[in-house]
Protein backbone atom coordinates (compact mmCIF):
# COMPACT_ATOMS: atom_id res chain seq x y z
CA MET A 1 99.34 77.56 94.71
CA PRO A 2 100.81 80.53 92.86
CA GLN A 3 98.46 82.80 90.99
CA LYS A 4 98.66 82.78 87.20
CA ILE A 5 99.23 86.04 85.36
CA SER A 6 95.96 85.52 83.50
CA GLN A 7 94.04 85.16 86.78
CA PHE A 8 95.58 88.29 88.25
CA PHE A 9 94.95 90.52 85.23
CA GLU A 10 91.53 89.11 84.38
CA GLN A 11 90.37 89.70 87.96
CA ASP A 12 91.47 93.31 87.61
CA HIS A 13 89.50 93.57 84.36
CA ARG A 14 86.35 92.37 86.18
CA GLU A 15 86.81 94.84 89.02
CA ILE A 16 87.39 97.73 86.61
CA ASP A 17 84.33 96.73 84.56
CA ALA A 18 82.23 96.72 87.74
CA LEU A 19 83.30 100.29 88.52
CA LEU A 20 82.19 101.49 85.10
CA ALA A 21 78.87 99.68 85.40
CA GLY A 22 78.05 101.90 88.39
CA VAL A 23 78.24 105.16 86.43
CA ASP A 24 74.90 106.92 85.79
CA TYR A 25 75.45 109.38 82.95
CA ALA A 26 72.01 110.91 83.54
CA ARG A 27 73.47 112.28 86.79
CA PRO A 28 76.84 113.62 85.61
CA LYS A 29 77.82 115.55 88.74
CA GLU A 30 77.17 112.52 90.97
CA SER A 31 78.90 110.21 88.50
CA PHE A 32 82.16 112.12 88.29
CA GLU A 33 83.67 110.41 91.35
CA PRO A 34 82.70 106.83 90.34
CA PHE A 35 84.00 107.46 86.81
CA HIS A 36 87.17 108.99 88.23
CA GLU A 37 87.73 105.85 90.32
CA PHE A 38 87.24 103.77 87.14
CA HIS A 39 89.71 106.06 85.36
CA MET A 40 92.34 105.67 88.08
CA ARG A 41 91.99 101.89 88.22
CA LEU A 42 92.17 101.55 84.44
CA GLU A 43 95.25 103.80 84.31
CA ARG A 44 96.89 101.66 86.96
CA HIS A 45 96.08 98.50 84.97
CA ILE A 46 97.51 100.01 81.78
CA HIS A 47 100.60 101.12 83.70
CA TRP A 48 101.06 97.55 84.96
CA GLU A 49 100.88 96.21 81.43
CA GLU A 50 103.05 98.85 79.78
CA GLY A 51 105.60 99.07 82.58
CA VAL A 52 106.01 95.41 83.54
CA LEU A 53 103.97 92.78 81.72
CA PHE A 54 104.41 93.75 78.07
CA PRO A 55 108.17 94.37 78.31
CA ALA A 56 108.66 91.02 80.09
CA LEU A 57 106.55 89.16 77.54
CA GLY A 58 108.18 90.97 74.61
CA ALA A 59 111.62 90.04 75.93
CA LYS A 60 110.56 86.41 76.31
CA ILE A 61 108.75 86.18 72.94
CA PRO A 62 110.06 88.97 70.67
CA MET A 63 107.56 88.34 67.86
CA LEU A 64 104.73 89.31 70.25
CA ALA A 65 106.36 92.71 70.80
CA GLN A 66 106.13 93.49 67.08
CA GLY A 67 102.53 92.31 66.67
CA PRO A 68 100.00 91.85 69.45
CA ILE A 69 101.77 93.98 72.06
CA ARG A 70 102.16 96.86 69.62
CA VAL A 71 98.43 96.64 68.83
CA MET A 72 97.61 96.66 72.57
CA LEU A 73 99.71 99.80 73.06
CA MET A 74 97.93 101.59 70.21
CA GLU A 75 94.58 100.57 71.66
CA HIS A 76 95.61 101.89 75.08
CA GLU A 77 96.01 105.31 73.47
CA ARG A 78 92.54 105.14 71.88
CA ILE A 79 91.02 104.01 75.18
CA ARG A 80 92.75 106.82 77.05
CA ALA A 81 91.54 109.48 74.60
CA SER A 82 87.87 108.45 74.84
CA LYS A 83 88.14 108.01 78.61
CA ALA A 84 89.60 111.49 79.01
CA SER A 85 86.75 112.95 76.94
CA ALA A 86 84.17 111.18 79.10
CA LEU A 87 85.86 112.32 82.30
CA GLN A 88 85.98 115.93 81.11
CA ALA A 89 82.34 115.83 80.00
CA LEU A 90 81.26 114.51 83.41
CA LYS A 91 83.34 117.17 85.13
CA SER A 92 81.56 119.86 83.11
CA GLY A 93 78.13 118.28 83.73
CA ASN A 94 77.48 117.01 80.20
CA GLY A 95 76.18 113.49 80.77
CA ARG A 96 75.15 112.93 77.16
CA LEU A 97 78.64 113.67 75.83
CA ALA A 98 80.18 111.62 78.63
CA GLU A 99 78.03 108.65 77.71
CA GLU A 100 78.91 108.96 74.01
CA SER A 101 82.62 109.09 74.84
CA ALA A 102 82.30 106.17 77.24
CA LYS A 103 80.51 104.11 74.58
CA ALA A 104 83.33 104.82 72.12
CA MET A 105 85.83 103.78 74.77
CA LEU A 106 83.89 100.61 75.56
CA MET A 107 83.85 99.53 71.92
CA VAL A 108 87.64 99.50 71.93
CA LEU A 109 88.01 98.30 75.52
CA ALA A 110 85.75 95.25 75.19
CA ASP A 111 87.62 93.97 72.13
CA HIS A 112 90.95 94.90 73.71
CA ASN A 113 90.25 92.97 76.92
CA SER A 114 89.04 89.99 74.93
CA LYS A 115 92.30 89.87 72.95
CA GLU A 116 94.34 90.15 76.12
CA GLU A 117 92.34 87.39 77.81
CA ARG A 118 92.35 85.07 74.79
CA ILE A 119 95.89 85.70 73.49
CA LEU A 120 98.32 87.68 75.63
CA TYR A 121 97.52 86.50 79.14
CA PRO A 122 97.50 82.81 78.15
CA ALA A 123 100.80 83.43 76.32
CA CYS A 124 102.17 84.76 79.61
CA ASP A 125 100.93 81.70 81.48
CA ASP A 126 102.69 79.49 78.91
CA ALA A 127 105.89 81.55 78.64
CA PHE A 128 106.65 82.20 82.30
CA SER A 129 107.38 79.65 84.98
CA ALA A 130 105.41 79.91 88.23
CA GLU A 131 108.41 81.64 89.83
CA GLU A 132 108.70 84.14 86.99
CA ALA A 133 104.97 84.83 87.15
CA GLU A 134 105.22 85.45 90.90
CA LYS A 135 108.04 87.94 90.30
CA ILE A 136 106.03 89.75 87.60
CA ILE A 137 102.96 89.99 89.83
CA ALA A 138 105.14 91.21 92.72
CA LYS A 139 106.62 93.93 90.47
CA VAL A 140 103.14 94.95 89.39
CA ARG A 141 101.91 95.14 92.99
CA ALA A 142 104.97 97.19 93.95
CA LEU A 143 104.02 99.84 91.38
CA SER A 144 100.89 100.72 93.33
CA PRO A 145 99.03 99.34 96.31
CA GLU A 146 96.18 96.91 95.87
CA PRO A 147 92.83 98.66 96.24
CA GLU A 148 90.29 97.51 98.75
CA ARG A 149 88.19 94.75 97.20
CA ALA A 150 84.65 95.86 96.59
CA GLU A 151 82.06 93.99 98.58
CA GLY A 152 80.86 91.07 96.56
CA ALA A 153 83.87 91.15 94.24
CA GLU A 154 85.04 87.71 93.29
CA GLN A 155 88.31 86.62 94.80
CA ALA A 156 90.89 85.01 92.53
């Protein structure tokens, strides 16, 4: 059975969230690498959305491009700014500043992911046929290789 777009992207959300949960801001030098992995995975996810998913959905349902998709793009910029601050703070050894920046990012990210999972991803599942969804997921996977699944990560 083909995978739904919502399943694919929501699974990636869960895996990215799990990476962030492993960051210990009290140990900034040791947490740089785990946070960097989170950063890279989140950037890849955003790239998938901005490069493939949102343009396809906006072409299929133009009113979404002017409303919800535009909001998601603005939120991506806010998420990126806070994430970059946290990454830089960890790199310089300032765990307190990193944690503050990460908390600011999480406030936006949690709401952002919820809107995607409640509105945009279901809209994709409704708008695209199974064949179209398969093509979108294939395009997304072609942008970058699938990472190794973390032990214990749920499979879609």
